[in-house]
Amino acid sequence: MTPRRSLSDYTHVLTSRATRPLVALTAVFFLSRAIFYGVGVRFDLSEIRGPANADPWQLLDRHLLQTQLLSSVWHLHSQPPLFNLFCGVLLKLPVSWQLGTATVIYGALGLILALSTYQALVDLRVPRWLSFTIAVLLLLDPSSILYENWLSYAYPSAAFLSFSALCCVRYLRTTKWGWGFGFLLSISTVILLNSTYQALWFVVVVGLLLAAFRRRWRSILAVAVLPVMVVGGWYVKDFAQTRTFTTSSWLGMNLAEITLADAPPGVVDRLVRQGTLTLLAKVIPFSPVANYVPRWAPEPHTGIPALDESRKGDGTTNYNNLAYVKVSQLYLHDDLAYIRAEPRIYLGTVVKAGALWFVPSDEYAFVTGNEGKIAHWTRLYDGVVLWQPSSHENAALRAIFLQQGPEPSQVPYGTVLVWLVALIGAPIAAISLRRIDRPTATTLTFLWLTILYAFLTTTLIEFGENERFRFELGPLPVMAAAVVVVTLGRAGGGSRSSDTATDPQAEPP
């Protein structure tokens, strides 16, 4: 018989050196959330319970989500499926349960984000005191508070990416199947949740593991089977239905917003007259279906409401209408032609998008409801922790409606410094660790690849929501920068602590 544990046994576990910081972080989480609740922060369910004509573009018709959830999500081509599926499940709950359910789930994601950040840093040989400090600052970040209380895929993306970092380093150290499966399942979830992350990223990550740990190729492929089947199955489904091989059919329309729609006056007209662009370039991207049908795309008659309806029940445009697949492809042709014809103008917009990427994520239009409740804390945190020189301004609205980039004083020096350390230092640190601690080196490379991938794909395609895209990475940039500083600091000191002794799991090249 297994001996029964006494109260003292559980007390010893909770007060051990390894678990004390986790207990303390949990206490900080609940105390901070109680304080922010006390000053008026509440979960924002307006994405599914907002006024008429306020449906977000990413969601299907609310009525379809309530009454034809699985069928409608199955025919979703404009976005990955998981966020619509989650919102549909919420809508099926009694109205009195929806707010509490969403609050608990997003709160749990917040706790997972903080705990996995701390534990991943410790596993990456960052000192416990520094790991704990980073996790606490993450918990108290105004952006974390705001996005944790907003129904969006931004916060779940950050939580799953943070958890994936922990699973990655744990799997590479222990070779345990569960950690490997958790890692690849986490990044698969992000792909099916957030259209920024596509299958190319997944393939590169799996290739990284295979290249770094060649002797484990069988076990790596074994844990990858189910995630590959899930992600690959959705891609095959999209290709069969719409002949698109991404989780979002909006690429051409998204890119058109920073090329054709953002062009200086007269440029598009001139290029159309020259035959460089088609007449479609003069139509504002994401216009109603009637602006495109039947001239640019045939009117769909599939019998499936999610694909045929031109408008949702509240009167807003249904951007999952099948006509947008063809329209987006046509826009993409004009987008690329515009970039070839006017590379300097396009590059100028990309530079503005890159600057907006670094602006604090709390300066985002869709979280302003709760932001007003913690405005003083936001200014204090952004100024002291992130080193943002100017007072709080809404940079996103200036970008979306005025096509203006942020002022230099709006860009936090601390955030830029962290990114420079992560992007420049990570490859150097990974090379130095390759022989003595390959799990850390490989995980650091995964962090670096993900950071670079997210920055490039969003900055080259979008201008207006870039600070949100950076938030969706969660703590990955800070984690990478911390590992770089610690690694290079130890190398400069000429010695290594016991935590960084040669890893028994490391394999020779």
Protein backbone atom coordinates (compact mmCIF):
# COMPACT_ATOMS: atom_id res chain seq x y z
CA MET A 1 0.00 0.00 0.00
CA THR A 2 1.14 3.53 -0.73
CA PRO A 3 1.72 5.38 2.54
CA ARG A 4 -0.63 8.29 3.11
CA ARG A 5 0.96 11.74 3.16
CA SER A 6 0.59 13.82 6.26
CA LEU A 7 -0.02 17.57 6.44
CA SER A 8 3.66 18.10 7.25
CA ASP A 9 4.61 16.34 3.99
CA TYR A 10 2.52 18.78 1.94
CA THR A 11 3.84 21.72 3.96
CA HIS A 12 7.40 20.62 3.19
CA VAL A 13 6.64 20.47 -0.53
CA LEU A 14 5.09 23.93 -0.56
CA THR A 15 7.99 25.47 1.37
CA SER A 16 10.83 23.75 -0.46
CA ARG A 17 13.40 25.85 -2.29
CA ALA A 18 11.98 24.85 -5.66
CA THR A 19 8.33 25.61 -4.92
CA ARG A 20 8.58 28.69 -2.69
CA PRO A 21 8.89 31.08 -5.66
CA LEU A 22 5.93 29.41 -7.40
CA VAL A 23 3.80 29.81 -4.28
CA ALA A 24 4.92 33.43 -3.96
CA LEU A 25 4.11 34.13 -7.61
CA THR A 26 0.66 32.63 -7.16
CA ALA A 27 0.10 34.88 -4.15
CA VAL A 28 1.27 37.93 -6.12
CA PHE A 29 -1.10 36.98 -8.94
CA PHE A 30 -4.21 36.74 -6.77
CA LEU A 31 -3.34 39.81 -4.69
CA SER A 32 -2.64 41.98 -7.74
CA ARG A 33 -5.80 40.84 -9.49
CA ALA A 34 -7.85 41.62 -6.41
CA ILE A 35 -6.35 45.13 -6.30
CA PHE A 36 -7.00 45.77 -9.98
CA TYR A 37 -10.54 44.46 -9.59
CA GLY A 38 -10.96 46.87 -6.70
CA VAL A 39 -10.07 49.86 -8.87
CA GLY A 40 -12.66 48.85 -11.45
CA VAL A 41 -11.00 46.53 -13.97
CA ARG A 42 -13.59 44.14 -15.41
CA PHE A 43 -13.49 41.51 -18.13
CA ASP A 44 -14.55 42.95 -21.50
CA LEU A 45 -17.00 40.68 -23.34
CA SER A 46 -17.92 43.25 -25.96
CA GLU A 47 -16.52 41.02 -28.72
CA ILE A 48 -19.57 38.79 -28.34
CA ARG A 49 -21.95 40.99 -26.33
CA GLY A 50 -21.24 44.40 -27.80
CA PRO A 51 -23.80 46.68 -29.47
CA ALA A 52 -25.14 46.14 -32.95
CA ASN A 53 -22.74 46.99 -35.79
CA ALA A 54 -19.80 46.29 -33.48
CA ASP A 55 -18.95 42.67 -34.32
CA PRO A 56 -15.20 42.14 -34.72
CA TRP A 57 -14.11 41.19 -38.21
CA GLN A 58 -12.53 37.95 -37.03
CA LEU A 59 -15.76 36.46 -35.70
CA LEU A 60 -18.52 34.73 -37.62
CA ASP A 61 -22.12 35.81 -37.18
CA ARG A 62 -22.99 35.41 -33.49
CA HIS A 63 -26.23 33.67 -34.41
CA LEU A 64 -24.32 31.09 -36.45
CA LEU A 65 -21.90 30.55 -33.58
CA GLN A 66 -24.84 29.84 -31.31
CA THR A 67 -26.92 27.69 -33.63
CA GLN A 68 -24.53 26.17 -36.21
CA LEU A 69 -21.20 26.27 -34.40
CA LEU A 70 -19.37 23.22 -35.75
CA SER A 71 -20.59 23.56 -39.32
CA SER A 72 -19.78 27.27 -39.44
CA VAL A 73 -16.31 26.88 -37.92
CA TRP A 74 -15.60 24.01 -40.31
CA HIS A 75 -16.22 26.41 -43.21
CA LEU A 76 -14.15 29.21 -41.65
CA HIS A 77 -11.40 30.34 -44.04
CA SER A 78 -10.80 33.93 -42.95
CA GLN A 79 -9.27 32.98 -39.59
CA PRO A 80 -7.90 29.97 -37.70
CA PRO A 81 -10.69 28.05 -35.96
CA LEU A 82 -9.99 28.06 -32.22
CA PHE A 83 -11.01 31.60 -31.25
CA ASN A 84 -14.33 31.35 -33.09
CA LEU A 85 -14.86 27.93 -31.55
CA PHE A 86 -14.19 29.28 -28.06
CA CYS A 87 -16.51 32.26 -28.55
CA GLY A 88 -19.19 29.94 -29.88
CA VAL A 89 -18.96 27.77 -26.77
CA LEU A 90 -19.23 30.90 -24.59
CA LEU A 91 -22.32 32.02 -26.51
CA LYS A 92 -23.96 28.65 -25.91
CA LEU A 93 -23.64 29.11 -22.15
CA PRO A 94 -26.36 30.90 -20.19
CA VAL A 95 -25.75 34.65 -20.35
CA SER A 96 -25.21 34.80 -16.59
CA TRP A 97 -22.33 32.29 -16.89
CA GLN A 98 -20.45 33.87 -19.77
CA LEU A 99 -18.62 36.62 -17.91
CA GLY A 100 -17.54 34.42 -15.01
CA THR A 101 -16.39 31.61 -17.31
CA ALA A 102 -14.27 33.91 -19.46
CA THR A 103 -12.80 35.66 -16.41
CA VAL A 104 -11.73 32.37 -14.82
CA ILE A 105 -10.26 30.94 -18.03
CA TYR A 106 -8.25 34.05 -18.86
CA GLY A 107 -7.15 34.35 -15.25
CA ALA A 108 -5.91 30.75 -15.36
CA LEU A 109 -4.00 31.60 -18.55
CA GLY A 110 -2.42 34.53 -16.73
CA LEU A 111 -1.24 32.31 -13.89
CA ILE A 112 0.10 29.73 -16.35
CA LEU A 113 1.93 32.49 -18.22
CA ALA A 114 3.68 33.76 -15.08
CA LEU A 115 4.55 30.36 -13.60
CA SER A 116 5.80 28.92 -16.88
CA THR A 117 7.91 32.03 -17.48
CA TYR A 118 9.59 31.66 -14.12
CA GLN A 119 10.17 27.93 -14.42
CA ALA A 120 11.41 28.14 -18.01
CA LEU A 121 13.96 30.79 -17.01
CA VAL A 122 15.18 28.65 -14.13
CA ASP A 123 15.49 25.64 -16.44
CA LEU A 124 17.45 27.86 -18.83
CA ARG A 125 19.98 28.49 -16.04
CA VAL A 126 18.88 32.03 -15.23
CA PRO A 127 19.32 32.75 -11.47
CA ARG A 128 16.16 32.26 -9.46
CA TRP A 129 16.09 35.81 -8.15
CA LEU A 130 16.20 37.23 -11.68
CA SER A 131 13.64 34.72 -12.95
CA PHE A 132 11.29 35.63 -10.11
CA THR A 133 11.74 39.38 -10.73
CA ILE A 134 10.92 39.00 -14.42
CA ALA A 135 7.80 36.94 -13.65
CA VAL A 136 6.57 39.52 -11.10
CA LEU A 137 7.13 42.39 -13.52
CA LEU A 138 5.20 40.40 -16.11
CA LEU A 139 2.29 39.95 -13.70
CA LEU A 140 2.18 43.66 -12.90
CA ASP A 141 2.60 44.87 -16.48
CA PRO A 142 -0.46 47.02 -17.36
CA SER A 143 -0.59 45.30 -20.75
CA SER A 144 -0.96 41.93 -19.02
CA ILE A 145 -3.83 43.28 -16.93
CA LEU A 146 -5.61 44.79 -19.94
CA TYR A 147 -5.25 41.83 -22.30
CA GLU A 148 -6.12 39.37 -19.54
CA ASN A 149 -9.45 41.15 -19.28
CA TRP A 150 -10.25 41.35 -23.00
CA LEU A 151 -11.88 38.57 -25.03
CA SER A 152 -9.29 38.14 -27.77
CA TYR A 153 -6.78 35.56 -28.94
CA ALA A 154 -3.88 37.84 -27.95
CA TYR A 155 -3.63 36.70 -24.33
CA PRO A 156 -4.04 32.97 -25.01
CA SER A 157 -1.33 33.27 -27.68
CA ALA A 158 1.08 34.79 -25.16
CA ALA A 159 0.26 32.12 -22.57
CA PHE A 160 0.72 29.18 -24.94
CA LEU A 161 4.00 30.57 -26.28
CA SER A 162 5.29 30.98 -22.74
CA PHE A 163 4.27 27.43 -21.88
CA SER A 164 5.87 26.16 -25.08
CA ALA A 165 9.24 27.55 -23.97
CA LEU A 166 9.01 25.62 -20.70
CA CYS A 167 7.98 22.42 -22.47
CA CYS A 168 10.79 22.80 -24.99
CA VAL A 169 13.63 23.05 -22.49
CA ARG A 170 12.10 20.36 -20.24
CA TYR A 171 11.73 17.95 -23.15
CA LEU A 172 15.27 18.51 -24.34
CA ARG A 173 16.64 17.93 -20.83
CA THR A 174 14.53 14.95 -19.82
CA THR A 175 13.50 13.37 -23.17
CA LYS A 176 10.11 12.70 -21.56
CA TRP A 177 7.37 12.23 -24.15
CA GLY A 178 4.86 14.38 -22.24
CA TRP A 179 7.01 17.51 -22.37
CA GLY A 180 7.73 17.03 -26.07
CA PHE A 181 4.07 16.51 -26.83
CA GLY A 182 3.19 19.57 -24.72
CA PHE A 183 5.69 21.66 -26.67
CA LEU A 184 4.47 20.77 -30.14
CA LEU A 185 0.82 20.80 -29.08
CA SER A 186 1.30 24.31 -27.66
CA ILE A 187 2.73 25.72 -30.87
CA SER A 188 0.05 23.86 -32.86
CA THR A 189 -2.58 25.56 -30.70
CA VAL A 190 -1.02 28.95 -31.45
CA ILE A 191 -1.18 28.21 -35.18
CA LEU A 192 -4.88 27.32 -34.96
CA LEU A 193 -5.55 30.36 -32.77
CA ASN A 194 -3.55 33.19 -34.32
CA SER A 195 -3.12 33.76 -38.07
CA THR A 196 0.32 35.35 -37.59
CA TYR A 197 1.77 31.90 -36.95
CA GLN A 198 1.65 29.60 -39.95
CA ALA A 199 2.79 26.06 -40.73
CA LEU A 200 6.19 27.30 -41.96
CA TRP A 201 7.03 28.27 -38.38
CA PHE A 202 6.04 24.80 -37.15
CA VAL A 203 8.18 23.09 -39.80
CA VAL A 204 11.21 25.24 -38.95
CA VAL A 205 10.83 24.50 -35.22
CA VAL A 206 10.60 20.74 -35.77
CA GLY A 207 13.58 20.97 -38.13
CA LEU A 208 15.52 22.80 -35.41
CA LEU A 209 14.91 19.98 -32.93
CA LEU A 210 15.90 17.34 -35.46
CA ALA A 211 19.08 19.20 -36.41
CA ALA A 212 20.17 19.81 -32.81
CA PHE A 213 19.32 16.32 -31.50
CA ARG A 214 19.83 14.04 -34.47
CA ARG A 215 20.07 10.90 -32.35
CA ARG A 216 16.56 11.50 -31.02
CA TRP A 217 14.91 11.86 -34.40
CA ARG A 218 12.58 8.93 -33.82
CA SER A 219 11.27 10.26 -30.51
CA ILE A 220 10.93 13.80 -31.92
CA LEU A 221 8.92 12.56 -34.89
CA ALA A 222 6.82 10.40 -32.57
CA VAL A 223 5.72 13.36 -30.44
CA ALA A 224 5.13 15.41 -33.60
CA VAL A 225 2.70 12.96 -35.22
CA LEU A 226 -0.54 14.12 -33.63
CA PRO A 227 0.21 17.89 -33.80
CA VAL A 228 1.23 17.49 -37.46
CA MET A 229 -2.01 15.62 -38.19
CA VAL A 230 -4.13 18.31 -36.50
CA VAL A 231 -2.44 21.30 -38.11
CA GLY A 232 -1.92 19.57 -41.44
CA GLY A 233 -5.52 18.38 -41.47
CA TRP A 234 -6.81 21.94 -41.10
CA TYR A 235 -4.54 23.14 -43.92
CA VAL A 236 -5.72 20.33 -46.17
CA LYS A 237 -9.33 21.19 -45.33
CA ASP A 238 -8.74 24.87 -46.21
CA PHE A 239 -7.05 23.93 -49.47
CA ALA A 240 -9.85 21.58 -50.43
CA GLN A 241 -12.50 24.22 -49.71
CA THR A 242 -10.85 27.42 -50.94
CA ARG A 243 -7.53 26.50 -52.62
CA THR A 244 -5.69 28.55 -50.00
CA PHE A 245 -2.82 27.03 -48.02
CA THR A 246 -2.87 29.32 -44.98
CA THR A 247 -5.14 29.61 -41.94
CA SER A 248 -6.36 33.01 -43.14
CA SER A 249 -7.52 34.01 -46.62
CA TRP A 250 -6.93 37.71 -45.87
CA LEU A 251 -3.25 38.02 -46.81
CA GLY A 252 -3.87 40.08 -49.94
CA MET A 253 -6.34 42.41 -48.22
CA ASN A 254 -4.11 42.81 -45.17
CA LEU A 255 -1.12 43.73 -47.30
CA ALA A 256 -3.27 46.08 -49.39
CA GLU A 257 -3.92 48.16 -46.29
CA ILE A 258 -0.24 49.18 -46.03
CA THR A 259 0.37 49.38 -49.77
CA LEU A 260 -2.61 50.46 -51.87
CA ALA A 261 -4.71 52.03 -49.11
CA ASP A 262 -1.71 53.77 -47.52
CA ALA A 263 -0.27 55.13 -50.78
CA PRO A 264 0.22 58.90 -51.13
CA PRO A 265 -2.52 60.71 -53.08
CA GLY A 266 -2.39 60.10 -56.81
CA VAL A 267 0.09 57.20 -56.75
CA VAL A 268 -2.45 54.41 -57.21
CA ASP A 269 -4.26 56.33 -59.96
CA ARG A 270 -0.98 56.83 -61.80
CA LEU A 271 -0.04 53.15 -61.55
CA VAL A 272 -3.49 52.11 -62.75
CA ARG A 273 -3.18 54.38 -65.79
CA GLN A 274 0.24 52.88 -66.53
CA GLY A 275 -1.23 49.38 -66.38
CA THR A 276 0.91 48.40 -63.39
CA LEU A 277 -2.17 47.93 -61.20
CA THR A 278 -5.70 46.79 -61.96
CA LEU A 279 -8.79 48.85 -61.22
CA LEU A 280 -9.29 46.78 -58.07
CA ALA A 281 -6.42 48.73 -56.51
CA LYS A 282 -8.72 51.77 -56.32
CA VAL A 283 -11.25 49.89 -54.17
CA ILE A 284 -10.64 50.23 -50.42
CA PRO A 285 -9.59 46.86 -48.93
CA PHE A 286 -12.17 45.10 -46.74
CA SER A 287 -15.02 46.88 -48.52
CA PRO A 288 -18.49 45.29 -48.35
CA VAL A 289 -19.14 42.27 -50.54
CA ALA A 290 -21.32 44.31 -52.92
CA ASN A 291 -18.25 46.34 -53.94
CA TYR A 292 -16.63 43.21 -55.40
CA VAL A 293 -19.50 41.04 -56.65
CA PRO A 294 -19.89 40.18 -59.48
CA ARG A 295 -17.12 42.23 -61.13
CA TRP A 296 -14.18 40.82 -59.19
CA ALA A 297 -15.61 37.59 -57.81
CA PRO A 298 -18.76 35.54 -58.37
CA GLU A 299 -21.51 35.66 -55.81
CA PRO A 300 -21.31 32.44 -53.74
CA HIS A 301 -24.26 30.05 -53.71
CA THR A 302 -23.02 27.15 -51.60
CA GLY A 303 -26.01 26.85 -49.30
CA ILE A 304 -23.72 27.42 -46.31
CA PRO A 305 -24.62 30.63 -44.43
CA ALA A 306 -21.06 31.24 -43.18
CA LEU A 307 -19.88 31.37 -46.81
CA ASP A 308 -22.90 32.91 -48.57
CA GLU A 309 -24.11 35.71 -46.27
CA SER A 310 -22.82 39.13 -47.26
CA ARG A 311 -23.70 40.57 -43.86
CA LYS A 312 -24.00 39.24 -40.36
CA GLY A 313 -27.21 39.41 -38.40
CA ASP A 314 -26.28 42.77 -36.87
CA GLY A 315 -25.57 44.36 -40.26
CA THR A 316 -21.77 44.19 -40.22
CA THR A 317 -19.89 42.67 -43.15
CA ASN A 318 -19.31 38.93 -43.16
CA TYR A 319 -15.62 38.75 -44.05
CA ASN A 320 -15.86 34.98 -44.26
CA ASN A 321 -17.96 35.32 -47.42
CA LEU A 322 -16.44 33.08 -50.05
CA ALA A 323 -16.02 36.00 -52.48
CA TYR A 324 -13.22 37.40 -50.32
CA VAL A 325 -10.99 34.43 -51.15
CA LYS A 326 -10.81 35.44 -54.81
CA VAL A 327 -10.74 39.15 -53.98
CA SER A 328 -7.81 38.73 -51.59
CA GLN A 329 -5.85 36.82 -54.22
CA LEU A 330 -6.43 39.63 -56.72
CA TYR A 331 -5.36 42.22 -54.15
CA LEU A 332 -2.16 40.25 -53.51
CA HIS A 333 -1.26 40.49 -57.20
CA ASP A 334 -1.66 44.29 -57.07
CA ASP A 335 0.14 44.53 -53.71
CA LEU A 336 3.26 42.89 -55.07
CA ALA A 337 3.13 45.00 -58.22
CA TYR A 338 2.86 48.14 -56.09
CA ILE A 339 5.85 47.13 -53.95
CA ARG A 340 7.94 46.52 -57.06
CA ALA A 341 6.92 49.88 -58.51
CA GLU A 342 7.20 51.96 -55.31
CA PRO A 343 9.66 50.19 -52.96
CA ARG A 344 10.67 53.38 -51.15
CA ILE A 345 7.10 54.26 -50.19
CA TYR A 346 6.47 50.71 -49.00
CA LEU A 347 9.71 50.68 -47.02
CA GLY A 348 8.70 53.91 -45.31
CA THR A 349 5.50 52.27 -44.09
CA VAL A 350 7.42 49.22 -42.91
CA VAL A 351 9.73 51.47 -40.88
CA LYS A 352 6.71 53.09 -39.21
CA ALA A 353 5.24 49.66 -38.50
CA GLY A 354 8.55 48.57 -36.97
CA ALA A 355 8.58 51.61 -34.69
CA LEU A 356 4.98 51.00 -33.64
CA TRP A 357 5.95 47.42 -32.73
CA PHE A 358 7.93 48.73 -29.74
CA VAL A 359 5.24 51.04 -28.36
CA PRO A 360 3.73 49.69 -25.09
CA SER A 361 0.91 47.27 -25.84
CA ASP A 362 -1.42 49.14 -23.49
CA GLU A 363 -1.59 51.92 -26.13
CA TYR A 364 -4.04 49.91 -28.20
CA ALA A 365 -7.49 51.15 -29.12
CA PHE A 366 -9.46 48.05 -28.11
CA VAL A 367 -8.33 47.97 -24.47
CA THR A 368 -9.06 51.60 -23.66
CA GLY A 369 -12.13 50.74 -21.58
CA ASN A 370 -10.10 49.21 -18.77
CA GLU A 371 -7.02 51.33 -19.45
CA GLY A 372 -8.73 54.40 -18.03
CA LYS A 373 -9.12 52.57 -14.69
CA ILE A 374 -5.36 52.05 -14.34
CA ALA A 375 -4.04 55.06 -16.29
CA HIS A 376 -1.81 56.25 -13.43
CA TRP A 377 -0.26 52.80 -13.02
CA THR A 378 0.20 52.53 -16.79
CA ARG A 379 2.14 55.80 -16.97
CA LEU A 380 4.26 54.85 -13.96
CA TYR A 381 5.09 51.36 -15.20
CA ASP A 382 5.76 52.40 -18.80
CA GLY A 383 7.98 55.22 -17.65
CA VAL A 384 9.95 53.47 -14.89
CA VAL A 385 10.13 49.85 -16.09
CA LEU A 386 9.99 50.28 -19.88
CA TRP A 387 11.77 53.67 -19.96
CA GLN A 388 9.18 55.38 -22.14
CA PRO A 389 10.00 59.11 -22.23
CA SER A 390 6.59 60.57 -23.17
CA SER A 391 3.27 60.40 -21.40
CA HIS A 392 0.65 57.90 -22.54
CA GLU A 393 -0.85 58.42 -26.01
CA ASN A 394 -2.87 56.14 -28.26
CA ALA A 395 -0.38 55.35 -31.01
CA ALA A 396 -2.61 52.74 -32.64
CA LEU A 397 -5.36 55.20 -33.59
CA ARG A 398 -2.83 57.57 -35.14
CA ALA A 399 -1.48 54.70 -37.21
CA ILE A 400 -4.88 53.35 -38.31
CA PHE A 401 -6.63 56.62 -39.12
CA LEU A 402 -3.78 59.04 -39.86
CA GLN A 403 -1.11 56.63 -41.17
CA GLN A 404 1.34 58.21 -38.75
CA GLY A 405 4.07 56.33 -36.92
CA PRO A 406 4.79 56.93 -33.24
CA GLU A 407 6.83 59.89 -32.07
CA PRO A 408 10.41 58.96 -31.06
CA SER A 409 9.58 59.79 -27.44
CA GLN A 410 6.77 57.21 -27.46
CA VAL A 411 9.18 54.34 -28.12
CA PRO A 412 10.41 52.88 -24.80
CA TYR A 413 14.19 52.62 -24.57
CA GLY A 414 13.98 49.56 -22.33
CA THR A 415 11.85 47.58 -24.77
CA VAL A 416 14.19 48.41 -27.66
CA LEU A 417 17.21 47.42 -25.56
CA VAL A 418 15.68 44.06 -24.64
CA TRP A 419 14.96 43.35 -28.31
CA LEU A 420 18.45 44.30 -29.43
CA VAL A 421 19.99 42.05 -26.78
CA ALA A 422 17.66 39.18 -27.71
CA LEU A 423 17.99 39.43 -31.49
CA ILE A 424 21.73 40.15 -31.64
CA GLY A 425 22.89 38.24 -28.59
CA ALA A 426 20.82 35.05 -28.86
CA PRO A 427 22.75 33.53 -31.80
CA ILE A 428 26.06 34.35 -30.09
CA ALA A 429 24.94 32.85 -26.78
CA ALA A 430 23.46 29.79 -28.49
CA ILE A 431 26.75 29.08 -30.26
CA SER A 432 28.70 29.41 -27.01
CA LEU A 433 26.29 27.03 -25.25
CA ARG A 434 26.08 24.47 -28.03
CA ARG A 435 28.66 22.10 -26.55
CA ILE A 436 28.14 22.63 -22.82
CA ASP A 437 24.33 23.00 -22.60
CA ARG A 438 22.60 22.01 -25.81
CA PRO A 439 19.03 22.07 -24.41
CA THR A 440 19.47 25.73 -23.42
CA ALA A 441 21.15 26.55 -26.74
CA THR A 442 18.34 24.92 -28.72
CA THR A 443 15.56 26.50 -26.67
CA LEU A 444 17.24 29.89 -27.01
CA THR A 445 17.35 29.36 -30.77
CA PHE A 446 13.63 28.52 -30.73
CA LEU A 447 12.93 31.77 -28.86
CA TRP A 448 15.06 33.74 -31.32
CA LEU A 449 13.43 32.20 -34.39
CA THR A 450 9.94 32.85 -33.04
CA ILE A 451 10.71 36.46 -32.14
CA LEU A 452 12.25 37.16 -35.53
CA TYR A 453 9.45 35.36 -37.38
CA ALA A 454 6.70 37.31 -35.60
CA PHE A 455 8.44 40.64 -36.09
CA LEU A 456 9.10 40.17 -39.80
CA THR A 457 5.75 38.67 -40.80
CA THR A 458 3.69 41.33 -39.03
CA THR A 459 5.87 44.36 -39.78
CA LEU A 460 6.01 43.57 -43.50
CA ILE A 461 2.24 43.06 -43.76
CA GLU A 462 0.49 45.19 -41.12
CA PHE A 463 0.57 48.77 -39.84
CA GLY A 464 -1.77 49.78 -37.03
CA GLU A 465 -1.87 46.85 -34.60
CA ASN A 466 1.83 46.11 -34.29
CA GLU A 467 2.01 46.72 -30.55
CA ARG A 468 -0.61 43.98 -30.11
CA PHE A 469 1.42 41.59 -32.26
CA ARG A 470 4.41 42.15 -29.98
CA PHE A 471 2.31 41.44 -26.91
CA GLU A 472 1.21 38.12 -28.40
CA LEU A 473 4.81 36.91 -28.08
CA GLY A 474 4.40 37.14 -24.32
CA PRO A 475 7.66 37.06 -22.36
CA LEU A 476 9.73 35.37 -25.09
CA PRO A 477 11.87 38.45 -25.89
CA VAL A 478 12.60 39.10 -22.21
CA MET A 479 13.37 35.43 -21.63
CA ALA A 480 15.81 35.37 -24.54
CA ALA A 481 17.50 38.59 -23.39
CA ALA A 482 17.86 37.26 -19.83
CA VAL A 483 19.49 34.05 -21.04
CA VAL A 484 21.86 36.05 -23.26
CA VAL A 485 22.92 38.40 -20.46
CA VAL A 486 23.47 35.56 -17.99
CA THR A 487 25.30 33.37 -20.49
CA LEU A 488 27.62 36.08 -21.76
CA GLY A 489 28.15 37.37 -18.24
CA ARG A 490 29.30 33.97 -17.05
CA ALA A 491 31.50 33.56 -20.11
CA GLY A 492 33.07 36.94 -19.43
CA GLY A 493 33.63 35.96 -15.81
CA GLY A 494 35.58 32.93 -16.93
CA SER A 495 33.65 30.50 -14.76
CA ARG A 496 30.37 28.68 -14.60
CA SER A 497 28.21 27.93 -11.63
CA SER A 498 27.04 24.45 -10.78
CA ASP A 499 23.76 25.23 -12.55
CA THR A 500 25.57 25.53 -15.85
CA ALA A 501 27.70 22.43 -15.63
CA THR A 502 27.97 20.36 -18.76
CA ASP A 503 24.54 18.96 -19.48
CA PRO A 504 24.47 15.16 -19.40
CA GLN A 505 21.77 15.23 -22.06
CA ALA A 506 23.92 17.17 -24.52
CA GLU A 507 25.04 15.26 -27.55
CA PRO A 508 28.22 15.71 -29.54
CA PRO A 509 27.74 17.52 -32.84
